[in-house]
Amino acid sequence: MESIGVLMICPMNSYLEQELDKRFKLFRYWNIPQTQQFLKENSNSIRAVVGNSMAGADAQLIESLPKLEIVSSFSVGLDKIDLNKCKEKGIRVTNTPDVLTEDVADLAIGLMLAVLRRLCECDRYVRKGLWKTGDFKLTTKFTGKSVGIIGLGRIGTAIAKRAEAFDCPISYYSRSEKADTNYKYYPSVIDLASNCQILVVACSLTPETRHIINREVIDALGPKGVLINIGRGPHVDEAELVSALVEGRLGGAGLDVFENEPEAPEELFGLDNVVLLPHVGSGTIETRTAMADLVLGNLEAHFLNKPLLTPVV
């Protein structure tokens, strides 16, 4: 398969990059200064694109690659891939579900604990020598808090199971009520936010879920509520979130994702009731290796005319 051209859109994982280089003819898109000229010269040799949650394959790129057969995403999210264009042209699409579910769910619980128990602030308190001046202030209990989850898919369900271990009542919102769960269903996000203390965003990013967290939802969650986002940054109207946190209309937030990554709102940097992470939901050695193996496995299956491991389109 060394003659098969694979276009890797951006740096994402050194192991994946090395293995792609061994098995295929790898083009590193981020190292190419004149991309339009490059695409003209190599369009007939590129048969696969590898992207991730930051960059994928939009309609323009797909149109410029007439021999493209498959887009393999080093991510669960598909919002950076033009799925309609792929369907139109018969291009296969794969992603990396399941293997990152546990890590993302673990992190969601970690964010809940970090926000409510002020773990980051506690750490700074000790490092600055402030403990010697007196005990740290009292914080808020996590066990028993009501948790509402937007999106009860693989990750949402894994978060719910973990929160149940803390005796947290679970409720959820999704496009339709799930038949195989006893969790309480709410038919709108506002209803869900009004009836939980911690609201977790765990749904896919689609045009319908963009800014699913808006001012009305934030106000329904209220000044004692906590928002956790391990989905995608554009799920949240970031300007509304910032103003709510600065004004005290929202109790706290744990954010792993942002609207304009790697930028994060500087207005949040001085707030102790906010925990900010650099999109590391799946960021463990074990999971990133498993994701890379899944990308490689899908590419090899496609070019060997075998069934794809995790087909989307």
Protein backbone atom coordinates (compact mmCIF):
# COMPACT_ATOMS: atom_id res chain seq x y z
CA MET A 1 0.00 0.00 0.00
CA GLU A 2 3.07 2.24 -0.07
CA SER A 3 1.91 3.83 -3.34
CA ILE A 4 -1.48 4.90 -1.95
CA GLY A 5 -1.51 8.63 -1.18
CA VAL A 6 -2.87 9.64 2.24
CA LEU A 7 -3.32 13.31 3.14
CA MET A 8 -2.96 13.98 6.87
CA ILE A 9 -4.59 17.35 7.52
CA CYS A 10 -2.83 18.45 10.71
CA PRO A 11 -0.47 17.04 13.37
CA MET A 12 -2.50 14.94 15.77
CA ASN A 13 -0.59 11.90 17.03
CA SER A 14 3.05 10.95 16.46
CA TYR A 15 2.38 7.20 16.53
CA LEU A 16 -0.38 7.56 13.92
CA GLU A 17 1.84 9.74 11.76
CA GLN A 18 4.72 7.25 11.92
CA GLU A 19 2.50 4.29 11.07
CA LEU A 20 0.85 6.11 8.17
CA ASP A 21 4.31 6.97 6.87
CA LYS A 22 5.33 3.30 7.04
CA ARG A 23 2.25 1.92 5.31
CA PHE A 24 1.24 4.60 2.80
CA LYS A 25 2.58 7.52 0.82
CA LEU A 26 1.95 10.18 3.45
CA PHE A 27 1.43 13.86 2.66
CA ARG A 28 1.60 16.23 5.66
CA TYR A 29 -0.79 19.02 4.69
CA TRP A 30 0.33 21.41 7.45
CA ASN A 31 3.89 21.43 6.09
CA ILE A 32 2.85 22.47 2.60
CA PRO A 33 3.18 26.24 1.95
CA GLN A 34 1.32 26.38 -1.38
CA THR A 35 -1.67 24.16 -0.75
CA GLN A 36 -3.59 24.97 -3.91
CA GLN A 37 -0.59 24.22 -6.10
CA PHE A 38 0.08 21.04 -4.13
CA LEU A 39 -3.50 19.83 -4.61
CA LYS A 40 -3.33 20.48 -8.34
CA GLU A 41 -0.12 18.51 -8.64
CA ASN A 42 -1.10 15.60 -6.38
CA SER A 43 -4.89 15.38 -6.68
CA ASN A 44 -4.78 12.13 -8.64
CA SER A 45 -2.56 10.32 -6.16
CA ILE A 46 -4.46 11.12 -2.92
CA ARG A 47 -7.02 8.44 -2.15
CA ALA A 48 -7.51 9.00 1.59
CA VAL A 49 -7.74 11.91 4.03
CA VAL A 50 -7.05 11.67 7.77
CA GLY A 51 -8.48 14.46 9.93
CA ASN A 52 -9.59 15.01 13.51
CA SER A 53 -11.88 17.19 15.64
CA MET A 54 -10.00 20.34 14.60
CA ALA A 55 -9.72 19.83 10.84
CA GLY A 56 -11.27 17.35 8.44
CA ALA A 57 -12.52 17.43 4.86
CA ASP A 58 -14.80 20.23 3.74
CA ALA A 59 -16.56 20.42 0.38
CA GLN A 60 -13.76 22.44 -1.22
CA LEU A 61 -11.07 19.91 -0.30
CA ILE A 62 -13.24 16.99 -1.37
CA GLU A 63 -13.92 18.60 -4.75
CA SER A 64 -10.19 19.13 -5.27
CA LEU A 65 -9.42 15.43 -4.79
CA PRO A 66 -11.14 13.46 -7.60
CA LYS A 67 -9.56 10.14 -6.55
CA LEU A 68 -10.56 10.44 -2.89
CA GLU A 69 -12.15 7.22 -1.60
CA ILE A 70 -12.17 7.50 2.20
CA VAL A 71 -12.00 10.07 5.00
CA SER A 72 -10.86 8.55 8.30
CA SER A 73 -11.30 10.78 11.34
CA PHE A 74 -9.06 10.55 14.41
CA SER A 75 -12.09 11.59 16.47
CA VAL A 76 -15.69 10.66 17.20
CA GLY A 77 -17.05 14.01 16.08
CA LEU A 78 -17.81 14.44 12.39
CA ASP A 79 -18.60 18.15 12.25
CA LYS A 80 -15.38 18.91 10.34
CA ILE A 81 -16.35 16.55 7.50
CA ASP A 82 -18.90 17.42 4.81
CA LEU A 83 -20.89 14.21 5.09
CA ASN A 84 -23.37 15.20 2.41
CA LYS A 85 -20.58 15.77 -0.10
CA CYS A 86 -19.05 12.42 0.84
CA LYS A 87 -22.36 10.65 0.32
CA GLU A 88 -22.83 12.42 -3.00
CA LYS A 89 -19.45 11.24 -4.25
CA GLY A 90 -19.52 7.76 -2.69
CA ILE A 91 -16.63 8.53 -0.34
CA ARG A 92 -16.47 6.36 2.76
CA VAL A 93 -16.18 7.97 6.20
CA THR A 94 -14.99 6.42 9.45
CA ASN A 95 -14.42 7.71 12.97
CA THR A 96 -13.19 6.38 16.32
CA PRO A 97 -16.19 5.66 18.58
CA ASP A 98 -16.16 3.50 21.73
CA VAL A 99 -12.41 3.57 22.34
CA LEU A 100 -12.53 7.09 23.83
CA THR A 101 -15.85 6.80 25.68
CA GLU A 102 -14.37 5.86 29.05
CA ASP A 103 -11.74 8.60 29.08
CA VAL A 104 -14.21 11.33 28.17
CA ALA A 105 -16.70 10.12 30.78
CA ASP A 106 -13.95 9.97 33.41
CA LEU A 107 -12.98 13.53 32.58
CA ALA A 108 -16.58 14.75 32.87
CA ILE A 109 -16.75 13.42 36.42
CA GLY A 110 -13.34 14.93 37.12
CA LEU A 111 -14.59 18.33 35.98
CA MET A 112 -17.64 18.06 38.24
CA LEU A 113 -15.45 17.31 41.24
CA ALA A 114 -12.92 19.97 40.30
CA VAL A 115 -15.55 22.70 40.01
CA LEU A 116 -17.61 21.81 43.06
CA ARG A 117 -14.66 21.03 45.37
CA ARG A 118 -12.50 23.85 43.91
CA LEU A 119 -9.59 21.47 43.37
CA CYS A 120 -7.56 23.83 41.17
CA GLU A 121 -8.02 26.68 43.63
CA CYS A 122 -7.02 24.36 46.48
CA ASP A 123 -3.84 23.42 44.62
CA ARG A 124 -2.91 27.08 44.15
CA TYR A 125 -3.71 27.74 47.83
CA VAL A 126 -1.11 25.21 48.94
CA ARG A 127 1.50 26.23 46.34
CA LYS A 128 1.28 29.89 47.34
CA GLY A 129 1.82 29.03 51.01
CA LEU A 130 -1.63 30.31 51.98
CA TRP A 131 -2.47 27.18 53.98
CA LYS A 132 -0.12 28.45 56.68
CA THR A 133 -2.39 31.47 57.12
CA GLY A 134 -5.56 29.44 57.67
CA ASP A 135 -7.77 26.63 56.41
CA PHE A 136 -9.25 26.73 52.92
CA LYS A 137 -12.88 27.84 52.62
CA LEU A 138 -15.68 25.28 52.54
CA THR A 139 -16.75 24.02 49.13
CA THR A 140 -19.76 22.15 47.70
CA LYS A 141 -20.60 18.45 47.88
CA PHE A 142 -20.83 16.42 44.67
CA THR A 143 -22.49 13.23 45.95
CA GLY A 144 -26.25 13.42 45.58
CA LYS A 145 -26.33 16.33 43.15
CA SER A 146 -28.87 15.98 40.34
CA VAL A 147 -27.14 15.56 36.97
CA GLY A 148 -28.80 16.38 33.67
CA ILE A 149 -27.20 15.10 30.47
CA ILE A 150 -27.76 16.46 26.97
CA GLY A 151 -27.28 13.49 24.66
CA LEU A 152 -27.61 9.98 26.08
CA GLY A 153 -25.38 8.20 23.57
CA ARG A 154 -22.26 6.20 24.36
CA ILE A 155 -20.50 8.97 26.26
CA GLY A 156 -23.63 10.37 27.90
CA THR A 157 -24.57 6.91 29.17
CA ALA A 158 -21.06 6.30 30.51
CA ILE A 159 -21.19 9.63 32.38
CA ALA A 160 -24.60 8.72 33.81
CA LYS A 161 -23.33 5.37 35.12
CA ARG A 162 -20.40 7.04 36.83
CA ALA A 163 -22.56 9.76 38.36
CA GLU A 164 -24.97 7.09 39.65
CA ALA A 165 -22.10 5.71 41.73
CA PHE A 166 -22.11 9.08 43.55
CA ASP A 167 -25.86 8.67 44.24
CA CYS A 168 -26.69 11.40 41.73
CA PRO A 169 -30.22 11.37 40.30
CA ILE A 170 -29.91 11.30 36.49
CA SER A 171 -32.11 12.98 33.91
CA TYR A 172 -31.53 13.67 30.24
CA TYR A 173 -32.60 15.35 27.03
CA SER A 174 -32.22 13.85 23.56
CA ARG A 175 -34.06 14.02 20.25
CA SER A 176 -36.39 11.28 21.50
CA GLU A 177 -36.99 9.38 24.71
CA LYS A 178 -34.86 6.25 25.16
CA ALA A 179 -36.77 3.02 25.64
CA ASP A 180 -33.96 1.18 27.42
CA THR A 181 -33.35 3.47 30.41
CA ASN A 182 -35.05 4.46 33.64
CA TYR A 183 -33.49 7.92 33.70
CA LYS A 184 -35.99 10.76 33.70
CA TYR A 185 -36.53 12.29 30.26
CA TYR A 186 -37.23 15.97 29.66
CA PRO A 187 -38.61 17.07 26.27
CA SER A 188 -36.57 20.31 26.18
CA VAL A 189 -33.15 21.48 27.28
CA ILE A 190 -34.74 24.29 29.30
CA ASP A 191 -36.85 21.78 31.24
CA LEU A 192 -33.75 19.69 31.87
CA ALA A 193 -31.70 22.69 33.03
CA SER A 194 -34.52 23.80 35.34
CA ASN A 195 -34.53 20.41 37.06
CA CYS A 196 -30.85 19.63 37.60
CA GLN A 197 -27.91 21.09 39.50
CA ILE A 198 -25.20 19.97 37.06
CA LEU A 199 -25.84 20.11 33.31
CA VAL A 200 -23.53 18.10 31.04
CA VAL A 201 -23.22 18.61 27.28
CA ALA A 202 -22.47 15.24 25.66
CA CYS A 203 -24.26 15.35 22.30
CA SER A 204 -22.96 15.49 18.75
CA LEU A 205 -22.42 18.87 17.14
CA THR A 206 -24.97 19.45 14.39
CA PRO A 207 -26.67 22.59 13.06
CA GLU A 208 -29.53 21.82 15.48
CA THR A 209 -27.26 21.53 18.54
CA ARG A 210 -25.10 24.57 17.80
CA HIS A 211 -25.60 27.00 20.74
CA ILE A 212 -27.95 24.51 22.37
CA ILE A 213 -26.70 26.17 25.56
CA ASN A 214 -27.99 29.74 25.25
CA ARG A 215 -28.95 32.49 27.68
CA GLU A 216 -32.34 30.95 28.41
CA VAL A 217 -30.82 27.57 29.28
CA ILE A 218 -28.10 29.16 31.40
CA ASP A 219 -30.67 31.21 33.32
CA ALA A 220 -32.73 28.05 33.85
CA LEU A 221 -29.68 26.34 35.34
CA GLY A 222 -29.22 29.34 37.60
CA PRO A 223 -26.71 30.88 40.03
CA LYS A 224 -26.13 27.59 41.87
CA GLY A 225 -25.95 25.44 38.76
CA VAL A 226 -22.83 24.08 37.08
CA LEU A 227 -22.29 23.56 33.35
CA ILE A 228 -19.93 20.84 32.12
CA ASN A 229 -19.01 20.76 28.42
CA ILE A 230 -17.07 17.78 27.06
CA GLY A 231 -18.88 17.91 23.72
CA ARG A 232 -17.84 20.65 21.30
CA GLY A 233 -17.22 24.35 21.90
CA PRO A 234 -19.98 25.58 19.55
CA HIS A 235 -22.57 23.73 21.62
CA VAL A 236 -22.37 26.74 23.95
CA ASP A 237 -23.02 30.39 23.18
CA GLU A 238 -19.69 31.38 24.67
CA ALA A 239 -20.44 35.09 24.99
CA GLU A 240 -23.57 34.30 27.01
CA LEU A 241 -21.68 31.81 29.16
CA VAL A 242 -18.92 34.30 29.92
CA SER A 243 -21.36 37.04 30.91
CA ALA A 244 -23.35 34.65 33.11
CA LEU A 245 -20.22 33.49 34.95
CA VAL A 246 -18.80 37.01 35.34
CA GLU A 247 -22.17 38.34 36.57
CA GLY A 248 -22.79 35.38 38.90
CA ARG A 249 -25.92 34.19 37.07
CA LEU A 250 -24.30 30.74 36.76
CA GLY A 251 -22.65 28.93 39.66
CA GLY A 252 -19.68 27.44 37.82
CA ALA A 253 -18.41 25.66 34.75
CA GLY A 254 -16.01 22.91 33.71
CA LEU A 255 -14.98 23.31 30.08
CA ASP A 256 -12.83 21.00 27.97
CA VAL A 257 -13.85 22.63 24.67
CA PHE A 258 -14.26 26.16 23.33
CA GLU A 259 -15.78 27.90 20.32
CA ASN A 260 -12.50 29.11 18.81
CA GLU A 261 -9.86 26.62 19.93
CA PRO A 262 -7.10 27.01 20.95
CA GLU A 263 -8.43 30.40 22.10
CA ALA A 264 -10.29 30.50 25.43
CA PRO A 265 -12.08 33.57 26.84
CA GLU A 266 -9.61 35.54 28.96
CA GLU A 267 -12.51 36.84 31.06
CA LEU A 268 -12.69 33.38 32.65
CA PHE A 269 -9.02 33.17 33.64
CA GLY A 270 -9.51 34.94 36.95
CA LEU A 271 -12.62 33.02 38.03
CA ASP A 272 -12.06 30.30 40.65
CA ASN A 273 -15.43 28.64 39.96
CA VAL A 274 -14.36 27.75 36.41
CA VAL A 275 -12.04 24.90 35.36
CA LEU A 276 -10.54 25.19 31.87
CA LEU A 277 -8.95 22.28 30.02
CA PRO A 278 -7.23 22.21 26.58
CA HIS A 279 -9.58 19.71 24.86
CA VAL A 280 -8.06 16.62 26.47
CA GLY A 281 -11.16 14.44 26.81
CA SER A 282 -9.53 11.52 25.01
CA GLY A 283 -6.01 12.62 25.86
CA THR A 284 -4.46 9.53 27.40
CA ILE A 285 -1.65 7.48 25.89
CA GLU A 286 -3.79 4.35 25.89
CA THR A 287 -6.81 5.88 24.19
CA ARG A 288 -4.94 7.91 21.59
CA THR A 289 -3.04 4.75 20.59
CA ALA A 290 -6.30 2.83 20.29
CA MET A 291 -7.78 5.66 18.19
CA ALA A 292 -4.74 5.63 15.91
CA ASP A 293 -5.01 1.85 15.48
CA LEU A 294 -8.66 2.27 14.53
CA VAL A 295 -7.82 4.89 11.89
CA LEU A 296 -5.12 2.59 10.47
CA GLY A 297 -7.41 -0.43 10.61
CA ASN A 298 -10.15 1.38 8.71
CA LEU A 299 -7.77 2.54 5.99
CA GLU A 300 -6.25 -0.90 5.52
CA ALA A 301 -9.68 -2.56 5.52
CA HIS A 302 -10.87 -0.18 2.81
CA PHE A 303 -7.89 -0.65 0.53
CA LEU A 304 -7.97 -4.44 1.01
CA ASN A 305 -11.70 -4.49 0.17
CA LYS A 306 -12.65 -5.70 3.63
CA PRO A 307 -15.52 -4.40 5.80
CA LEU A 308 -14.75 -1.12 7.54
CA LEU A 309 -14.31 -1.35 11.31
CA THR A 310 -16.32 1.77 12.18
CA PRO A 311 -18.19 3.03 9.11
CA VAL A 312 -20.20 6.25 9.24
CA VAL A 313 -20.88 6.69 5.51
